[in-house]
Protein backbone atom coordinates (compact mmCIF):
# COMPACT_ATOMS: atom_id res chain seq x y z
CA MET A 1 3.77 231.72 102.65
CA GLU A 2 5.71 230.28 105.57
CA ARG A 3 3.69 232.14 108.21
CA PRO A 4 0.26 230.77 107.08
CA LYS A 5 1.75 227.27 106.99
CA ARG A 6 3.16 227.67 110.48
CA LEU A 7 -0.15 229.07 111.73
CA ARG A 8 -2.07 226.14 110.21
CA ARG A 9 0.39 223.71 111.79
CA ASN A 10 0.09 225.35 115.21
CA ILE A 11 -3.71 225.42 115.07
CA ALA A 12 -3.84 221.74 114.08
CA ALA A 13 -1.39 220.76 116.84
CA GLY A 14 -3.31 222.87 119.36
CA ILE A 15 -6.62 221.20 118.49
CA ILE A 16 -5.06 217.75 118.84
CA VAL A 17 -3.55 218.53 122.25
CA ALA A 18 -6.66 220.29 123.57
CA PHE A 19 -9.12 217.56 122.62
CA HIS A 20 -6.93 214.78 124.00
CA VAL A 21 -6.46 216.61 127.30
CA ILE A 22 -10.17 217.41 127.58
CA GLY A 23 -11.05 213.82 126.68
CA SER A 24 -8.70 212.42 129.29
CA ILE A 25 -10.16 214.66 131.98
CA GLY A 26 -13.71 213.80 130.94
CA LEU A 27 -13.08 210.06 131.15
CA HIS A 28 -11.67 210.47 134.65
CA VAL A 29 -14.84 212.21 135.88
CA LYS A 30 -17.41 209.51 136.60
CA GLY A 31 -20.36 211.82 136.12
CA ALA A 32 -19.11 212.88 132.69
CA GLN A 33 -17.69 209.55 131.53
CA ALA A 34 -20.81 208.35 129.70
CA LEU A 35 -21.06 211.59 127.71
CA PHE A 36 -17.39 211.56 126.73
CA LEU A 37 -17.62 207.94 125.61
CA GLN A 38 -20.49 208.93 123.29
CA LEU A 39 -18.19 211.58 121.78
CA VAL A 40 -15.37 209.14 120.93
CA PRO A 41 -16.32 208.59 117.24
CA TYR A 42 -16.76 212.35 116.73
CA HIS A 43 -13.39 212.95 118.34
CA LEU A 44 -11.78 210.48 115.92
CA LEU A 45 -13.55 212.08 112.97
CA LEU A 46 -12.32 215.53 114.01
CA MET A 47 -8.76 214.22 114.40
CA PHE A 48 -8.98 212.65 110.95
CA ILE A 49 -10.04 215.95 109.39
CA VAL A 50 -7.38 217.93 111.25
CA VAL A 51 -4.53 215.56 110.35
CA VAL A 52 -5.56 215.27 106.69
CA CYS A 53 -5.90 219.04 106.32
CA ALA A 54 -2.48 219.55 107.91
CA HIS A 55 -0.75 217.36 105.31
CA ARG A 56 1.70 219.29 103.15
CA ARG A 57 1.42 219.26 99.37
CA THR A 58 -1.70 217.14 99.07
CA LYS A 59 -1.62 215.26 95.78
CA GLU A 60 -3.50 212.40 94.22
CA ASN A 61 -1.23 209.78 95.76
CA PHE A 62 -2.04 211.07 99.26
CA ILE A 63 -5.75 210.52 98.59
CA GLN A 64 -4.86 207.05 97.34
CA PHE A 65 -2.91 206.37 100.52
CA ILE A 66 -5.83 207.48 102.69
CA ALA A 67 -8.23 205.27 100.72
CA LEU A 68 -5.86 202.30 100.88
CA VAL A 69 -5.46 202.44 104.66
CA VAL A 70 -9.09 203.29 105.45
CA ILE A 71 -10.58 200.58 103.22
CA SER A 72 -7.98 197.93 104.01
CA GLY A 73 -8.27 198.66 107.72
CA TYR A 74 -12.03 198.27 107.63
CA PHE A 75 -11.89 194.95 105.74
CA ALA A 76 -9.13 193.60 107.99
CA GLU A 77 -11.43 194.30 110.94
CA TRP A 78 -14.37 192.73 109.08
CA ILE A 79 -12.36 189.56 108.59
CA GLY A 80 -11.32 189.61 112.23
CA VAL A 81 -14.83 190.11 113.57
CA HIS A 82 -16.51 187.56 111.31
CA THR A 83 -13.89 184.81 111.19
CA GLY A 84 -11.57 185.22 114.18
CA TRP A 85 -8.65 185.16 111.76
CA LEU A 86 -5.82 187.71 111.83
CA PHE A 87 -6.21 189.37 115.23
CA GLY A 88 -8.17 186.76 117.18
CA ASP A 89 -11.76 186.28 118.28
CA TYR A 90 -13.29 189.63 119.27
CA ALA A 91 -16.34 191.85 118.85
CA TYR A 92 -16.89 195.60 118.93
CA GLY A 93 -18.89 197.35 121.63
CA GLY A 94 -20.86 200.56 121.18
CA THR A 95 -18.23 203.18 122.03
CA LEU A 96 -16.82 203.60 118.51
CA GLY A 97 -20.22 204.47 117.11
CA PRO A 98 -22.37 203.16 114.22
CA LYS A 99 -21.33 199.86 112.67
CA LEU A 100 -21.58 198.23 109.29
CA GLU A 101 -21.50 194.43 109.44
CA GLY A 102 -20.38 194.58 113.07
CA VAL A 103 -17.42 196.91 112.36
CA PRO A 104 -17.50 200.61 113.39
CA LEU A 105 -17.55 202.92 110.38
CA ILE A 106 -14.92 205.13 112.00
CA ILE A 107 -12.38 202.30 112.39
CA GLY A 108 -10.75 202.85 108.99
CA ALA A 109 -10.14 206.50 109.86
CA ASN A 110 -8.56 205.39 113.13
CA TRP A 111 -6.23 203.05 111.24
CA PHE A 112 -5.19 205.94 109.01
CA LEU A 113 -4.55 208.27 111.95
CA LEU A 114 -2.26 205.80 113.68
CA ILE A 115 -0.39 204.63 110.58
CA TYR A 116 0.05 208.13 109.15
CA SER A 117 1.15 209.77 112.38
CA VAL A 118 3.82 207.15 113.04
CA ALA A 119 4.91 207.28 109.38
CA VAL A 120 5.45 211.05 109.74
CA PHE A 121 7.20 210.52 113.07
CA MET A 122 9.63 208.09 111.44
CA GLN A 123 9.96 210.33 108.37
CA ARG A 124 11.15 213.13 110.65
CA SER A 125 13.47 210.84 112.61
CA LYS A 126 17.21 210.58 112.05
CA ILE A 127 16.98 206.95 110.97
CA LYS A 128 18.34 206.90 107.44
CA ASN A 129 17.76 203.26 106.52
CA ARG A 130 14.29 202.73 105.04
CA TYR A 131 13.77 199.27 106.49
CA ALA A 132 14.98 200.29 109.92
CA ARG A 133 12.47 203.18 109.88
CA ILE A 134 9.65 200.85 108.87
CA VAL A 135 10.41 198.22 111.51
CA ALA A 136 10.93 200.85 114.21
CA GLY A 137 7.61 202.48 113.27
CA ALA A 138 5.80 199.14 113.39
CA MET A 139 7.25 198.53 116.85
CA VAL A 140 5.98 201.94 118.01
CA LEU A 141 2.49 201.11 116.73
CA THR A 142 2.53 197.68 118.37
CA LEU A 143 3.63 199.23 121.66
CA LEU A 144 0.75 201.69 121.42
CA ASP A 145 -1.65 198.80 120.82
CA VAL A 146 -0.38 197.14 124.01
CA LEU A 147 -1.27 200.37 125.84
CA ILE A 148 -4.65 200.72 124.13
CA GLU A 149 -5.95 197.17 124.70
CA PRO A 150 -6.82 197.28 128.43
CA ASN A 151 -8.47 200.68 128.01
CA ALA A 152 -10.41 199.54 124.95
CA ILE A 153 -11.82 196.64 126.93
CA ARG A 154 -12.56 198.84 129.95
CA PHE A 155 -14.42 201.46 127.90
CA ASN A 156 -16.25 199.03 125.60
CA TYR A 157 -14.41 199.87 122.38
CA TRP A 158 -14.20 196.12 121.80
CA HIS A 159 -13.96 192.94 123.84
CA TRP A 160 -12.23 189.62 123.36
CA LEU A 161 -14.22 186.40 123.10
CA GLU A 162 -11.33 184.38 124.50
CA PRO A 163 -9.73 184.40 127.97
CA ASP A 164 -6.65 186.44 127.06
CA ILE A 165 -5.61 188.81 124.29
CA PRO A 166 -4.02 186.50 121.72
CA ASP A 167 -0.47 187.00 120.50
CA SER A 168 -1.86 187.00 116.95
CA ASN A 169 -3.39 190.42 117.66
CA TYR A 170 0.00 192.02 118.19
CA ILE A 171 1.70 190.01 115.45
CA CYS A 172 -0.87 191.01 112.83
CA TRP A 173 -0.90 194.62 113.95
CA PHE A 174 2.89 194.66 113.57
CA LEU A 175 2.73 193.08 110.09
CA PHE A 176 -0.03 195.40 108.85
CA SER A 177 1.97 198.34 110.20
CA VAL A 178 5.05 197.21 108.29
CA LEU A 179 3.00 196.94 105.10
CA PHE A 180 1.38 200.38 105.34
CA LEU A 181 4.56 202.10 106.50
CA PHE A 182 6.36 200.58 103.54
CA VAL A 183 3.71 201.98 101.18
CA PHE A 184 3.99 205.40 102.81
CA ASP A 185 7.76 205.32 102.40
CA ARG A 186 7.52 204.26 98.76
CA MET A 187 5.18 207.15 97.96
CA ARG A 188 7.93 209.60 98.94
CA PHE A 189 5.72 212.26 100.47
CA ALA A 190 7.25 215.66 101.20
CA ARG A 191 8.66 216.06 104.69
CA GLN A 192 5.69 216.74 106.94
CA SER A 193 5.20 219.10 109.88
CA ILE A 194 5.07 218.10 113.55
CA VAL A 195 1.29 217.52 113.46
CA GLY A 196 1.64 213.76 113.00
CA GLU A 197 4.20 213.57 115.78
CA VAL A 198 1.93 215.56 118.09
CA PHE A 199 -0.96 213.19 117.39
CA ILE A 200 0.96 210.00 118.14
CA LEU A 201 2.50 211.54 121.28
CA MET A 202 -0.95 212.55 122.53
CA GLN A 203 -2.25 209.04 121.84
CA PHE A 204 0.44 207.59 124.08
CA LEU A 205 -0.19 210.18 126.80
CA PHE A 206 -3.97 209.84 126.51
CA PHE A 207 -4.07 206.05 126.93
CA ALA A 208 -1.32 206.12 129.56
CA SER A 209 -3.38 208.63 131.57
CA LEU A 210 -6.36 206.27 131.53
CA GLN A 211 -4.28 203.64 133.34
CA VAL A 212 -4.16 205.87 136.41
């Protein structure tokens, strides 16, 4: 049984690494950039499928966790886009694909990917205290958001309708991260494989590479 699990883990990790590397290269090639930007929502959907399928011991509460993060993430973005509350005054561009009420349909899946991967990263860490793990994980996610923002604006993921990115964006992202990481911790999922860690590492490397 251990060998099939290890093989599944390695395949999932390999797909994550390969698609992030290919995506980074594609976005650096001006002639290919437009095509690769069109593929962004499909890339996120593939990552969602890979990460979900790599989860160990899938039970009903895991499906509930996915639904909670995906639906809550979408509605948080809906509130943000339509009211300017929470994150600030912003609007989505076309890069993240089809929208419903001005919010990309894939955005909930993206929320899940980020929250889950950091939750697994912290689960596998040596931090024993629950609250320290949660706060540390929320800080990791907020740091990633700082890295994502300039690239998101550059590649038309979204744009801000105010002169600067408001502090409320980072504050709310930190608070939402704390909430979802707390829920993940309370659900006491089995210790997960490195797939989540690989995903969050590749996210940092991917967006860092776009700064060059």
